[in-house]
Amino acid sequence: MDLFLARPHIHTGDGGYIGLWVVLAGFGLAFLALIVAIVIRLRKQRRR
C-alpha cells in the first residue's frame, strides 16, 4: 500500500483513487484465487 500512496498522482486527501486501487486489488486477488482453485481441481482430476 505504501508504494501506491507514494505515487505523486495519488493524493492522500482524495479517497477516489485509493478506493479504486483497493477495489481493483480485491477483484485481482479474487480472480487469482479462482484460477488457483480451478487449477487444483484439474490437477486432482488428472491424478485420477
PDB file of N, CA and C in Angstrom:
ATOM      1  N   MET A   1       0.847  -1.205   0.000  1.00  0.00           N
ATOM      2  CA  MET A   1       0.000   0.000   0.000  1.00  0.00           C
ATOM      3  C   MET A   1       0.883   1.255   0.000  1.00  0.00           C
ATOM      4  N   ASP A   2       2.068   1.177   0.631  1.00  0.00           N
ATOM      5  CA  ASP A   2       2.945   2.354   0.699  1.00  0.00           C
ATOM      6  C   ASP A   2       3.399   2.772  -0.701  1.00  0.00           C
ATOM      7  N   LEU A   3       3.615   1.793  -1.580  1.00  0.00           N
ATOM      8  CA  LEU A   3       4.056   2.122  -2.934  1.00  0.00           C
ATOM      9  C   LEU A   3       2.972   2.887  -3.673  1.00  0.00           C
ATOM     10  N   PHE A   4       1.712   2.481  -3.501  1.00  0.00           N
ATOM     11  CA  PHE A   4       0.613   3.165  -4.188  1.00  0.00           C
ATOM     12  C   PHE A   4       0.414   4.565  -3.622  1.00  0.00           C
ATOM     13  N   LEU A   5       0.503   4.700  -2.288  1.00  0.00           N
ATOM     14  CA  LEU A   5       0.280   6.003  -1.654  1.00  0.00           C
ATOM     15  C   LEU A   5       1.428   6.956  -1.954  1.00  0.00           C
ATOM     16  N   ALA A   6       2.603   6.420  -2.266  1.00  0.00           N
ATOM     17  CA  ALA A   6       3.774   7.262  -2.504  1.00  0.00           C
ATOM     18  C   ALA A   6       3.758   7.872  -3.903  1.00  0.00           C
ATOM     19  N   ARG A   7       2.911   7.376  -4.787  1.00  0.00           N
ATOM     20  CA  ARG A   7       2.871   7.909  -6.152  1.00  0.00           C
ATOM     21  C   ARG A   7       2.333   9.335  -6.145  1.00  0.00           C
ATOM     22  N   PRO A   8       2.932  10.207  -6.950  1.00  0.00           N
ATOM     23  CA  PRO A   8       2.573  11.626  -6.943  1.00  0.00           C
ATOM     24  C   PRO A   8       1.146  11.906  -7.410  1.00  0.00           C
ATOM     25  N   HIS A   9       0.624  11.130  -8.360  1.00  0.00           N
ATOM     26  CA  HIS A   9      -0.705  11.425  -8.895  1.00  0.00           C
ATOM     27  C   HIS A   9      -1.815  10.946  -7.959  1.00  0.00           C
ATOM     28  N   ILE A  10      -1.448  10.255  -6.880  1.00  0.00           N
ATOM     29  CA  ILE A  10      -2.470   9.811  -5.922  1.00  0.00           C
ATOM     30  C   ILE A  10      -2.320  10.620  -4.634  1.00  0.00           C
ATOM     31  N   HIS A  11      -3.330  11.422  -4.317  1.00  0.00           N
ATOM     32  CA  HIS A  11      -3.266  12.256  -3.115  1.00  0.00           C
ATOM     33  C   HIS A  11      -3.968  11.549  -1.959  1.00  0.00           C
ATOM     34  N   THR A  12      -3.416  11.673  -0.767  1.00  0.00           N
ATOM     35  CA  THR A  12      -3.998  11.009   0.404  1.00  0.00           C
ATOM     36  C   THR A  12      -5.371  11.597   0.720  1.00  0.00           C
ATOM     37  N   GLY A  13      -5.603  12.871   0.328  1.00  0.00           N
ATOM     38  CA  GLY A  13      -6.888  13.518   0.615  1.00  0.00           C
ATOM     39  C   GLY A  13      -7.970  13.059  -0.343  1.00  0.00           C
ATOM     40  N   ASP A  14      -7.575  12.515  -1.495  1.00  0.00           N
ATOM     41  CA  ASP A  14      -8.563  12.074  -2.479  1.00  0.00           C
ATOM     42  C   ASP A  14      -8.786  10.572  -2.319  1.00  0.00           C
ATOM     43  N   GLY A  15      -9.907  10.193  -1.724  1.00  0.00           N
ATOM     44  CA  GLY A  15     -10.167   8.775  -1.458  1.00  0.00           C
ATOM     45  C   GLY A  15     -10.620   8.024  -2.694  1.00  0.00           C
ATOM     46  N   GLY A  16     -10.906   8.729  -3.782  1.00  0.00           N
ATOM     47  CA  GLY A  16     -11.388   8.073  -5.001  1.00  0.00           C
ATOM     48  C   GLY A  16     -10.352   7.134  -5.588  1.00  0.00           C
ATOM     49  N   TYR A  17      -9.121   7.648  -5.741  1.00  0.00           N
ATOM     50  CA  TYR A  17      -8.075   6.828  -6.345  1.00  0.00           C
ATOM     51  C   TYR A  17      -7.725   5.657  -5.438  1.00  0.00           C
ATOM     52  N   ILE A  18      -7.603   5.932  -4.139  1.00  0.00           N
ATOM     53  CA  ILE A  18      -7.252   4.867  -3.197  1.00  0.00           C
ATOM     54  C   ILE A  18      -8.346   3.795  -3.194  1.00  0.00           C
ATOM     55  N   GLY A  19      -9.608   4.223  -3.194  1.00  0.00           N
ATOM     56  CA  GLY A  19     -10.716   3.269  -3.210  1.00  0.00           C
ATOM     57  C   GLY A  19     -10.682   2.434  -4.476  1.00  0.00           C
ATOM     58  N   LEU A  20     -10.341   3.083  -5.599  1.00  0.00           N
ATOM     59  CA  LEU A  20     -10.276   2.370  -6.877  1.00  0.00           C
ATOM     60  C   LEU A  20      -9.190   1.304  -6.833  1.00  0.00           C
ATOM     61  N   TRP A  21      -8.017   1.675  -6.280  1.00  0.00           N
ATOM     62  CA  TRP A  21      -6.920   0.713  -6.176  1.00  0.00           C
ATOM     63  C   TRP A  21      -7.319  -0.469  -5.292  1.00  0.00           C
ATOM     64  N   VAL A  22      -8.041  -0.184  -4.199  1.00  0.00           N
ATOM     65  CA  VAL A  22      -8.462  -1.252  -3.284  1.00  0.00           C
ATOM     66  C   VAL A  22      -9.426  -2.196  -3.987  1.00  0.00           C
ATOM     67  N   VAL A  23     -10.370  -1.620  -4.751  1.00  0.00           N
ATOM     68  CA  VAL A  23     -11.350  -2.449  -5.470  1.00  0.00           C
ATOM     69  C   VAL A  23     -10.655  -3.300  -6.523  1.00  0.00           C
ATOM     70  N   LEU A  24      -9.754  -2.682  -7.287  1.00  0.00           N
ATOM     71  CA  LEU A  24      -9.030  -3.427  -8.326  1.00  0.00           C
ATOM     72  C   LEU A  24      -8.192  -4.533  -7.699  1.00  0.00           C
ATOM     73  N   ALA A  25      -7.543  -4.237  -6.586  1.00  0.00           N
ATOM     74  CA  ALA A  25      -6.720  -5.242  -5.904  1.00  0.00           C
ATOM     75  C   ALA A  25      -7.599  -6.382  -5.402  1.00  0.00           C
ATOM     76  N   GLY A  26      -8.780  -6.039  -4.882  1.00  0.00           N
ATOM     77  CA  GLY A  26      -9.702  -7.059  -4.378  1.00  0.00           C
ATOM     78  C   GLY A  26     -10.164  -7.986  -5.489  1.00  0.00           C
ATOM     79  N   PHE A  27     -10.554  -7.387  -6.631  1.00  0.00           N
ATOM     80  CA  PHE A  27     -11.002  -8.216  -7.756  1.00  0.00           C
ATOM     81  C   PHE A  27      -9.849  -9.061  -8.281  1.00  0.00           C
ATOM     82  N   GLY A  28      -8.654  -8.490  -8.310  1.00  0.00           N
ATOM     83  CA  GLY A  28      -7.480  -9.219  -8.800  1.00  0.00           C
ATOM     84  C   GLY A  28      -7.178 -10.432  -7.929  1.00  0.00           C
ATOM     85  N   LEU A  29      -7.196 -10.237  -6.612  1.00  0.00           N
ATOM     86  CA  LEU A  29      -6.924 -11.349  -5.693  1.00  0.00           C
ATOM     87  C   LEU A  29      -8.004 -12.415  -5.811  1.00  0.00           C
ATOM     88  N   ALA A  30      -9.270 -11.989  -5.939  1.00  0.00           N
ATOM     89  CA  ALA A  30     -10.376 -12.944  -6.059  1.00  0.00           C
ATOM     90  C   ALA A  30     -10.231 -13.738  -7.353  1.00  0.00           C
ATOM     91  N   PHE A  31      -9.835 -13.050  -8.442  1.00  0.00           N
ATOM     92  CA  PHE A  31      -9.677 -13.720  -9.738  1.00  0.00           C
ATOM     93  C   PHE A  31      -8.540 -14.739  -9.678  1.00  0.00           C
ATOM     94  N   LEU A  32      -7.421 -14.341  -9.060  1.00  0.00           N
ATOM     95  CA  LEU A  32      -6.284 -15.257  -8.932  1.00  0.00           C
ATOM     96  C   LEU A  32      -6.662 -16.463  -8.080  1.00  0.00           C
ATOM     97  N   ALA A  33      -7.411 -16.219  -6.996  1.00  0.00           N
ATOM     98  CA  ALA A  33      -7.833 -17.311  -6.117  1.00  0.00           C
ATOM     99  C   ALA A  33      -8.719 -18.284  -6.885  1.00  0.00           C
ATOM    100  N   LEU A  34      -9.589 -17.744  -7.742  1.00  0.00           N
ATOM    101  CA  LEU A  34     -10.485 -18.594  -8.533  1.00  0.00           C
ATOM    102  C   LEU A  34      -9.677 -19.447  -9.503  1.00  0.00           C
ATOM    103  N   ILE A  35      -8.673 -18.848 -10.156  1.00  0.00           N
ATOM    104  CA  ILE A  35      -7.827 -19.590 -11.096  1.00  0.00           C
ATOM    105  C   ILE A  35      -7.076 -20.703 -10.369  1.00  0.00           C
ATOM    106  N   VAL A  36      -6.523 -20.380  -9.196  1.00  0.00           N
ATOM    107  CA  VAL A  36      -5.780 -21.383  -8.418  1.00  0.00           C
ATOM    108  C   VAL A  36      -6.691 -22.545  -8.046  1.00  0.00           C
ATOM    109  N   ALA A  37      -7.927 -22.239  -7.637  1.00  0.00           N
ATOM    110  CA  ALA A  37      -8.875 -23.286  -7.254  1.00  0.00           C
ATOM    111  C   ALA A  37      -9.178 -24.187  -8.444  1.00  0.00           C
ATOM    112  N   ILE A  38      -9.348 -23.586  -9.633  1.00  0.00           N
ATOM    113  CA  ILE A  38      -9.654 -24.376 -10.835  1.00  0.00           C
ATOM    114  C   ILE A  38      -8.466 -25.263 -11.194  1.00  0.00           C
ATOM    115  N   VAL A  39      -7.251 -24.701 -11.112  1.00  0.00           N
ATOM    116  CA  VAL A  39      -6.048 -25.479 -11.448  1.00  0.00           C
ATOM    117  C   VAL A  39      -5.904 -26.667 -10.509  1.00  0.00           C
ATOM    118  N   ILE A  40      -6.143 -26.450  -9.211  1.00  0.00           N
ATOM    119  CA  ILE A  40      -6.032 -27.537  -8.233  1.00  0.00           C
ATOM    120  C   ILE A  40      -7.046 -28.635  -8.548  1.00  0.00           C
ATOM    121  N   ARG A  41      -8.275 -28.226  -8.904  1.00  0.00           N
ATOM    122  CA  ARG A  41      -9.305 -29.222  -9.229  1.00  0.00           C
ATOM    123  C   ARG A  41      -8.912 -30.012 -10.463  1.00  0.00           C
ATOM    124  N   LEU A  42      -8.369 -29.341 -11.477  1.00  0.00           N
ATOM    125  CA  LEU A  42      -7.957 -30.029 -12.703  1.00  0.00           C
ATOM    126  C   LEU A  42      -6.824 -31.007 -12.408  1.00  0.00           C
ATOM    127  N   ARG A  43      -5.878 -30.598 -11.562  1.00  0.00           N
ATOM    128  CA  ARG A  43      -4.762 -31.480 -11.224  1.00  0.00           C
ATOM    129  C   ARG A  43      -5.259 -32.714 -10.487  1.00  0.00           C
ATOM    130  N   LYS A  44      -6.243 -32.544  -9.596  1.00  0.00           N
ATOM    131  CA  LYS A  44      -6.788 -33.682  -8.857  1.00  0.00           C
ATOM    132  C   LYS A  44      -7.480 -34.646  -9.814  1.00  0.00           C
ATOM    133  N   GLN A  45      -8.178 -34.096 -10.810  1.00  0.00           N
ATOM    134  CA  GLN A  45      -8.880 -34.951 -11.773  1.00  0.00           C
ATOM    135  C   GLN A  45      -7.877 -35.697 -12.648  1.00  0.00           C
ATOM    136  N   ARG A  46      -6.760 -35.036 -12.997  1.00  0.00           N
ATOM    137  CA  ARG A  46      -5.750 -35.680 -13.841  1.00  0.00           C
ATOM    138  C   ARG A  46      -5.059 -36.811 -13.099  1.00  0.00           C
ATOM    139  N   ARG A  47      -4.898 -36.660 -11.771  1.00  0.00           N
ATOM    140  CA  ARG A  47      -4.247 -37.711 -10.986  1.00  0.00           C
ATOM    141  C   ARG A  47      -5.080 -38.981 -10.982  1.00  0.00           C
ATOM    142  N   ARG A  48      -6.400 -38.811 -11.086  1.00  0.00           N
ATOM    143  CA  ARG A  48      -7.260 -39.986 -11.117  1.00  0.00           C
ATOM    144  C   ARG A  48      -7.041 -40.747 -12.423  1.00  0.00           C
TER     145      ARG A  48
END
